[in-house]
Amino acid sequence: MTSKFKDNNPPINYKDAGVDVEAGHKLVEAIKPYVAKTKRPEILSGLGSFSALSRMPKHIENPLLVTCTDGVGTKIEIARSMKQFQTIGIDLVAMCVNDLIACGAEPLMFLDYYVTDKLKIEIASEVIKGIAEGCSISNCSLVGGETAEHPNSFPEDSFDLAGFAVGVVDETKVIGSEGARTGDKLIGISSSGLHSNGFSLIRKLIQEREVNLEDKINGLSLGEILLKPTSIYVKDILLLKEKIDISAIAHITGGGFYENIPRMLNPCNKALIDFDFEDWPSRNLYEWIDSKGVNEEDMLNTFNCGVGMVIAVNQDEIEVALDSLNKDGQIAKIIGDVQEKEKNDLDIQFI
């Protein structure tokens, strides 16, 4: 095709503008083996299609589609500082599928959005390899995504991530539609650490308290501890769901205890919580945060404080639930109960 509008200026192409289309093609080829390993039998389309096609899983009789989206926030900046990108993709998947499982939905499909100033195939491949690993852990197909270069819009070597998940649940088996019931016990399930929330506060601590990411906490560097990937609870909850009736679930994500536990309650109930940081595997990290001047109320309003998921179950099913959830280094224990709310009661109270 010959241009009708040529002038005396030298030619300019997309690469001159800062966007390398060829690098994008190379990235797709690099990630194909990781993506292929995540493919569920319901998925009909392959990587590179304009959209993804999927059948409904045959084992779900009355399917409802469930969707959610999330990111990993400024945890990415810790990964950049450490030059370690292997686990940030797991975080991205975890933040989405843990939201899906809160209503009992089985993850089906996942898509990602990776945006950067200039695409570096090695870094992007590591991130997307982690996304594929997270999908494998949660039995979710990585069906596509978008990689975008935004030259002169990001600091050099920066990138951001967003994830989008589609799940499916039997309409007769949705968890939490009526909220936790009066008399239910609340079981906390241990987190791997901060997961992917509160990192803006952590980074402020690092800056203002002159902390080094190589500083040791119980033998591990702070950077290593902060980059521990978010726990994925999908398989544990799906298995438990087949054994007992789970009343409600709260994913302890942004907003910590104060924001997320009330989301599992109905308007007539409150949660009475008996909680201590020392009871959980990630206590060393939270003790460190406390030592740097963050008070307990702010911690409970920002972080998961060692508890990544809270489930409400009937008193009679406590033993089955604890036996099922306490495994492979994961800890589950009773942290409170659900009671009727009296006038002027808060949704959540600590004892």
Protein backbone atom coordinates (compact mmCIF):
# COMPACT_ATOMS: atom_id res chain seq x y z
CA MET A 1 0.00 0.00 0.00
CA THR A 2 1.43 3.36 -1.03
CA SER A 3 0.65 6.47 1.01
CA LYS A 4 -0.91 9.41 -0.83
CA PHE A 5 0.23 11.84 1.84
CA LYS A 6 4.02 11.54 1.90
CA ASP A 7 6.00 14.65 2.74
CA ASN A 8 9.68 15.28 3.31
CA ASN A 9 9.72 13.99 6.91
CA PRO A 10 11.49 10.70 7.73
CA PRO A 11 9.15 7.70 8.28
CA ILE A 12 7.90 6.89 11.79
CA ASN A 13 6.64 3.47 12.86
CA TYR A 14 5.01 1.96 15.97
CA LYS A 15 8.35 0.82 17.40
CA ASP A 16 9.66 4.39 17.15
CA ALA A 17 6.67 5.40 19.29
CA GLY A 18 7.76 2.94 21.99
CA VAL A 19 5.57 -0.08 21.21
CA ASP A 20 7.32 -3.28 20.07
CA VAL A 21 4.70 -5.50 18.42
CA GLU A 22 7.27 -8.20 17.74
CA ALA A 23 8.10 -8.44 21.44
CA GLY A 24 4.42 -9.10 22.09
CA HIS A 25 4.43 -11.97 19.59
CA LYS A 26 7.54 -13.43 21.21
CA LEU A 27 5.92 -13.25 24.65
CA VAL A 28 2.87 -15.18 23.42
CA GLU A 29 5.14 -17.93 22.08
CA ALA A 30 7.12 -18.00 25.33
CA ILE A 31 4.06 -18.49 27.54
CA LYS A 32 2.16 -21.03 25.42
CA PRO A 33 3.55 -24.10 27.27
CA TYR A 34 2.51 -22.69 30.67
CA VAL A 35 -0.95 -21.74 29.46
CA ALA A 36 -1.56 -25.13 27.85
CA LYS A 37 -1.11 -26.90 31.19
CA THR A 38 -4.07 -25.00 32.67
CA LYS A 39 -6.67 -26.02 30.09
CA ARG A 40 -9.84 -27.54 31.52
CA PRO A 41 -11.91 -29.94 29.36
CA GLU A 42 -14.72 -27.38 29.08
CA ILE A 43 -12.53 -24.83 27.27
CA LEU A 44 -12.97 -24.87 23.49
CA SER A 45 -10.72 -22.04 22.32
CA GLY A 46 -6.96 -21.72 22.32
CA LEU A 47 -4.51 -18.96 23.19
CA GLY A 48 -4.61 -16.22 20.59
CA SER A 49 -8.34 -16.22 19.92
CA PHE A 50 -10.19 -12.92 20.13
CA SER A 51 -12.32 -14.37 22.93
CA ALA A 52 -12.61 -17.58 24.94
CA LEU A 53 -15.30 -20.23 24.55
CA SER A 54 -16.31 -22.59 27.31
CA ARG A 55 -18.99 -25.16 27.96
CA MET A 56 -20.63 -25.31 31.38
CA PRO A 57 -19.13 -28.01 33.62
CA LYS A 58 -21.38 -31.07 33.37
CA HIS A 59 -21.20 -31.89 37.10
CA ILE A 60 -23.05 -28.68 38.04
CA GLU A 61 -26.81 -29.14 37.64
CA ASN A 62 -28.09 -25.57 38.08
CA PRO A 63 -25.16 -23.40 36.99
CA LEU A 64 -24.79 -19.75 37.86
CA LEU A 65 -21.89 -17.74 36.47
CA VAL A 66 -19.86 -15.74 38.98
CA THR A 67 -17.34 -13.04 38.04
CA CYS A 68 -14.76 -10.94 39.84
CA THR A 69 -11.69 -8.84 39.23
CA ASP A 70 -8.72 -7.79 41.36
CA GLY A 71 -5.06 -6.86 41.29
CA VAL A 72 -2.03 -7.14 43.54
CA GLY A 73 -1.46 -3.45 44.21
CA THR A 74 1.93 -2.15 45.24
CA LYS A 75 3.23 -5.60 46.14
CA ILE A 76 4.59 -5.31 42.60
CA GLU A 77 7.03 -2.67 43.86
CA ILE A 78 8.48 -5.14 46.36
CA ALA A 79 8.91 -7.67 43.54
CA ARG A 80 10.69 -5.00 41.46
CA SER A 81 12.99 -4.08 44.34
CA MET A 82 13.86 -7.75 44.92
CA LYS A 83 14.01 -8.49 41.17
CA GLN A 84 11.89 -11.56 41.89
CA PHE A 85 8.82 -12.01 39.71
CA GLN A 86 8.11 -15.74 40.07
CA THR A 87 5.23 -15.48 42.54
CA ILE A 88 3.43 -12.22 41.79
CA GLY A 89 1.29 -14.00 39.19
CA ILE A 90 0.12 -16.53 41.78
CA ASP A 91 -0.98 -13.56 43.90
CA LEU A 92 -3.04 -12.20 41.02
CA VAL A 93 -4.95 -15.44 40.54
CA ALA A 94 -5.35 -15.99 44.28
CA MET A 95 -6.94 -12.61 44.91
CA CYS A 96 -9.62 -13.38 42.32
CA VAL A 97 -10.34 -17.06 42.94
CA ASN A 98 -10.46 -16.57 46.71
CA ASP A 99 -13.24 -14.07 46.09
CA LEU A 100 -15.05 -16.59 43.88
CA ILE A 101 -14.85 -19.36 46.44
CA ALA A 102 -16.41 -17.10 49.08
CA CYS A 103 -19.78 -17.91 47.50
CA GLY A 104 -18.81 -21.51 46.76
CA ALA A 105 -18.02 -20.93 43.07
CA GLU A 106 -15.57 -23.20 41.27
CA PRO A 107 -13.12 -21.16 39.14
CA LEU A 108 -13.50 -21.85 35.44
CA MET A 109 -11.64 -19.21 33.41
CA PHE A 110 -9.02 -16.54 34.11
CA LEU A 111 -7.73 -13.60 32.08
CA ASP A 112 -4.95 -11.16 32.90
CA TYR A 113 -4.02 -7.62 31.93
CA TYR A 114 -0.31 -6.76 31.98
CA VAL A 115 0.60 -3.14 31.23
CA THR A 116 4.11 -1.71 31.20
CA ASP A 117 6.22 1.14 29.84
CA LYS A 118 8.35 -1.20 27.71
CA LEU A 119 7.76 -4.92 27.41
CA LYS A 120 10.59 -7.02 28.81
CA ILE A 121 9.90 -10.59 27.75
CA GLU A 122 11.93 -12.19 30.53
CA ILE A 123 10.05 -10.38 33.31
CA ALA A 124 6.63 -10.73 31.69
CA SER A 125 7.23 -14.46 31.11
CA GLU A 126 8.04 -14.97 34.78
CA VAL A 127 4.89 -13.13 35.83
CA ILE A 128 2.63 -15.04 33.44
CA LYS A 129 4.27 -18.34 34.37
CA GLY A 130 3.19 -17.54 37.95
CA ILE A 131 -0.32 -16.77 36.73
CA ALA A 132 -0.44 -20.17 35.05
CA GLU A 133 0.78 -21.81 38.26
CA GLY A 134 -1.96 -20.08 40.24
CA CYS A 135 -4.49 -21.29 37.69
CA SER A 136 -3.20 -24.85 38.02
CA ILE A 137 -3.46 -24.70 41.82
CA SER A 138 -7.07 -23.57 41.57
CA ASN A 139 -7.99 -25.78 38.57
CA CYS A 140 -8.80 -22.73 36.49
CA SER A 141 -7.99 -22.27 32.79
CA LEU A 142 -5.86 -19.32 31.73
CA VAL A 143 -7.79 -18.54 28.56
CA GLY A 144 -6.24 -15.25 27.49
CA GLY A 145 -5.31 -11.75 28.44
CA GLU A 146 -3.89 -8.49 27.22
CA THR A 147 -0.31 -7.23 27.24
CA ALA A 148 0.02 -3.50 26.62
CA GLU A 149 2.96 -1.14 26.28
CA HIS A 150 2.29 2.43 27.41
CA PRO A 151 5.51 4.31 26.62
CA ASN A 152 6.16 7.44 28.67
CA SER A 153 3.20 6.64 30.90
CA PHE A 154 4.97 4.53 33.55
CA PRO A 155 8.27 4.88 35.41
CA GLU A 156 11.01 2.92 33.68
CA ASP A 157 10.76 -0.88 34.17
CA SER A 158 7.39 -0.55 35.91
CA PHE A 159 4.30 -2.63 35.21
CA ASP A 160 0.86 -3.25 36.64
CA LEU A 161 -1.46 -6.25 36.71
CA ALA A 162 -5.16 -6.92 36.81
CA GLY A 163 -6.95 -10.26 36.83
CA PHE A 164 -10.44 -11.32 35.79
CA ALA A 165 -12.03 -14.61 36.80
CA VAL A 166 -15.19 -16.45 35.83
CA GLY A 167 -16.54 -19.19 38.07
CA VAL A 168 -19.60 -21.37 38.27
CA VAL A 169 -21.72 -22.55 41.19
CA ASP A 170 -24.87 -24.63 41.52
CA GLU A 171 -27.72 -22.24 42.33
CA THR A 172 -28.90 -24.58 45.09
CA LYS A 173 -25.43 -24.66 46.69
CA VAL A 174 -24.46 -20.99 46.85
CA ILE A 175 -22.67 -20.17 50.11
CA GLY A 176 -23.64 -17.13 52.15
CA SER A 177 -26.84 -16.04 50.43
CA GLU A 178 -28.53 -15.61 53.83
CA GLY A 179 -25.42 -14.82 55.85
CA ALA A 180 -23.98 -16.59 58.86
CA ARG A 181 -26.53 -17.97 61.33
CA THR A 182 -26.90 -17.16 65.01
CA GLY A 183 -24.86 -19.68 66.98
CA ASP A 184 -22.44 -20.45 64.16
CA LYS A 185 -18.78 -20.79 65.03
CA LEU A 186 -16.23 -18.80 63.05
CA ILE A 187 -13.18 -20.73 61.87
CA GLY A 188 -10.09 -18.85 60.76
CA ILE A 189 -7.79 -20.41 58.14
CA SER A 190 -4.17 -19.33 58.23
CA SER A 191 -2.67 -17.04 55.62
CA SER A 192 0.83 -17.25 54.17
CA GLY A 193 1.52 -13.68 55.31
CA LEU A 194 0.31 -10.34 53.99
CA HIS A 195 -1.11 -11.89 50.83
CA SER A 196 -1.61 -8.86 48.54
CA ASN A 197 -3.04 -6.12 50.73
CA GLY A 198 -1.62 -3.26 52.77
CA PHE A 199 1.63 -2.91 50.84
CA SER A 200 1.38 0.87 50.57
CA LEU A 201 1.56 0.97 54.36
CA ILE A 202 4.41 -1.55 54.38
CA ARG A 203 6.37 0.49 51.86
CA LYS A 204 5.84 3.62 53.97
CA LEU A 205 7.23 1.74 56.99
CA ILE A 206 10.23 0.63 54.96
CA GLN A 207 10.90 4.19 53.85
CA GLU A 208 10.28 6.06 57.09
CA ARG A 209 11.80 3.48 59.46
CA GLU A 210 14.82 3.04 57.16
CA VAL A 211 14.22 -0.69 56.81
CA ASN A 212 16.18 -2.86 54.37
CA LEU A 213 14.45 -5.69 52.50
CA GLU A 214 17.44 -7.86 53.36
CA ASP A 215 16.81 -7.44 57.12
CA LYS A 216 16.18 -10.81 58.74
CA ILE A 217 13.02 -11.92 60.52
CA ASN A 218 13.37 -15.35 62.07
CA GLY A 219 16.04 -16.35 59.55
CA LEU A 220 14.34 -15.10 56.37
CA SER A 221 14.83 -11.75 54.68
CA LEU A 222 11.96 -9.29 54.95
CA GLY A 223 11.73 -9.23 51.16
CA GLU A 224 11.32 -13.01 50.97
CA ILE A 225 8.59 -12.94 53.61
CA LEU A 226 6.72 -10.12 51.90
CA LEU A 227 6.80 -11.94 48.55
CA LYS A 228 5.33 -15.18 49.85
CA PRO A 229 2.48 -15.91 47.43
CA THR A 230 -1.11 -15.52 48.53
CA SER A 231 -2.68 -18.77 49.75
CA ILE A 232 -5.29 -20.25 47.42
CA TYR A 233 -8.18 -21.83 49.32
CA VAL A 234 -10.25 -23.12 46.41
CA LYS A 235 -9.63 -26.85 46.70
CA ASP A 236 -9.97 -26.85 50.51
CA ILE A 237 -13.32 -25.05 50.41
CA LEU A 238 -14.72 -27.14 47.53
CA LEU A 239 -13.79 -30.31 49.42
CA LEU A 240 -15.27 -29.06 52.69
CA LYS A 241 -18.42 -27.91 50.89
CA GLU A 242 -19.09 -31.55 49.96
CA LYS A 243 -18.85 -32.61 53.62
CA ILE A 244 -20.76 -29.93 55.54
CA ASP A 245 -23.10 -26.98 55.11
CA ILE A 246 -20.97 -23.82 55.21
CA SER A 247 -23.15 -20.86 56.21
CA ALA A 248 -20.92 -18.05 54.96
CA ILE A 249 -17.34 -17.19 54.04
CA ALA A 250 -15.27 -14.02 54.32
CA HIS A 251 -12.09 -13.59 52.31
CA ILE A 252 -9.90 -11.41 54.55
CA THR A 253 -8.53 -9.06 51.94
CA GLY A 254 -8.33 -5.25 51.69
CA GLY A 255 -9.90 -3.71 54.80
CA GLY A 256 -8.83 -6.58 57.04
CA PHE A 257 -11.15 -7.96 59.71
CA TYR A 258 -13.24 -4.81 60.17
CA GLU A 259 -14.38 -4.58 56.57
CA ASN A 260 -14.60 -8.20 55.49
CA ILE A 261 -16.11 -10.16 58.38
CA PRO A 262 -19.27 -7.99 58.40
CA ARG A 263 -19.76 -8.97 54.74
CA MET A 264 -20.54 -12.55 55.82
CA LEU A 265 -23.18 -11.52 58.38
CA ASN A 266 -26.87 -10.76 58.00
CA PRO A 267 -28.14 -7.45 59.45
CA CYS A 268 -29.43 -9.11 62.64
CA ASN A 269 -26.10 -10.62 63.70
CA LYS A 270 -22.68 -9.63 64.96
CA ALA A 271 -19.35 -11.43 65.11
CA LEU A 272 -17.61 -11.82 68.47
CA ILE A 273 -13.91 -12.42 67.82
CA ASP A 274 -11.24 -13.78 70.17
CA PHE A 275 -7.99 -13.15 68.33
CA ASP A 276 -4.25 -13.11 69.00
CA PHE A 277 -1.46 -12.67 66.44
CA GLU A 278 0.66 -15.24 68.27
CA ASP A 279 -1.70 -18.07 67.32
CA TRP A 280 -0.80 -17.99 63.61
CA PRO A 281 2.19 -19.14 61.49
CA SER A 282 2.90 -15.63 60.13
CA ARG A 283 3.04 -14.09 63.62
CA ASN A 284 6.70 -13.03 63.23
CA LEU A 285 5.80 -10.71 60.38
CA TYR A 286 2.90 -9.13 62.23
CA GLU A 287 4.97 -8.73 65.39
CA TRP A 288 7.55 -6.92 63.22
CA ILE A 289 4.85 -4.60 61.83
CA ASP A 290 3.63 -3.93 65.35
CA SER A 291 7.19 -3.12 66.46
CA LYS A 292 7.46 -0.49 63.72
CA GLY A 293 4.62 1.55 65.16
CA VAL A 294 1.39 0.30 63.57
CA ASN A 295 -1.19 -0.14 66.32
CA GLU A 296 -3.35 -3.25 66.56
CA GLU A 297 -6.58 -1.58 65.43
CA ASP A 298 -4.92 -0.25 62.29
CA MET A 299 -3.45 -3.68 61.61
CA LEU A 300 -6.85 -5.35 61.93
CA ASN A 301 -8.29 -2.70 59.61
CA THR A 302 -5.57 -3.14 56.97
CA PHE A 303 -4.10 -6.66 56.98
CA ASN A 304 -5.36 -10.22 57.31
CA CYS A 305 -3.19 -10.50 60.47
CA GLY A 306 -2.48 -14.18 59.78
CA VAL A 307 -6.02 -15.26 58.83
CA GLY A 308 -6.72 -15.44 55.11
CA MET A 309 -10.23 -16.84 55.22
CA VAL A 310 -13.01 -17.08 57.80
CA ILE A 311 -15.87 -19.57 57.49
CA ALA A 312 -19.07 -19.84 59.51
CA VAL A 313 -20.23 -23.37 60.36
CA ASN A 314 -22.75 -25.00 62.65
CA GLN A 315 -21.46 -26.02 66.07
CA ASP A 316 -22.18 -29.69 65.26
CA GLU A 317 -19.88 -29.62 62.23
CA ILE A 318 -16.85 -27.99 63.81
CA GLU A 319 -14.85 -31.20 64.19
CA VAL A 320 -15.35 -32.23 60.55
CA ALA A 321 -14.36 -28.75 59.37
CA LEU A 322 -11.20 -28.56 61.48
CA ASP A 323 -10.11 -32.08 60.50
CA SER A 324 -10.54 -31.20 56.83
CA LEU A 325 -8.78 -27.82 56.94
CA ASN A 326 -5.80 -28.59 59.19
CA LYS A 327 -3.32 -30.12 56.75
CA ASP A 328 -0.09 -29.50 54.83
CA GLY A 329 1.09 -26.80 57.23
CA GLN A 330 -2.20 -24.94 57.06
CA ILE A 331 -3.82 -24.13 60.41
CA ALA A 332 -7.54 -23.72 61.08
CA LYS A 333 -9.05 -22.90 64.45
CA ILE A 334 -12.10 -21.32 66.05
CA ILE A 335 -11.70 -17.54 66.35
CA GLY A 336 -15.20 -16.53 67.40
CA ASP A 337 -18.92 -16.99 67.00
CA VAL A 338 -22.01 -15.35 65.57
CA GLN A 339 -24.52 -13.81 67.96
CA GLU A 340 -27.69 -11.79 67.71
CA LYS A 341 -27.03 -8.08 67.48
CA GLU A 342 -28.51 -5.90 70.18
CA LYS A 343 -29.27 -2.21 69.84
CA ASN A 344 -26.12 -0.11 69.21
CA ASP A 345 -23.93 -3.22 68.79
CA LEU A 346 -21.18 -3.07 66.20
CA ASP A 347 -20.99 -5.70 63.45
CA ILE A 348 -17.72 -7.00 64.87
CA GLN A 349 -16.45 -6.96 68.43
CA PHE A 350 -13.12 -8.21 69.80
CA ILE A 351 -12.77 -9.80 73.22
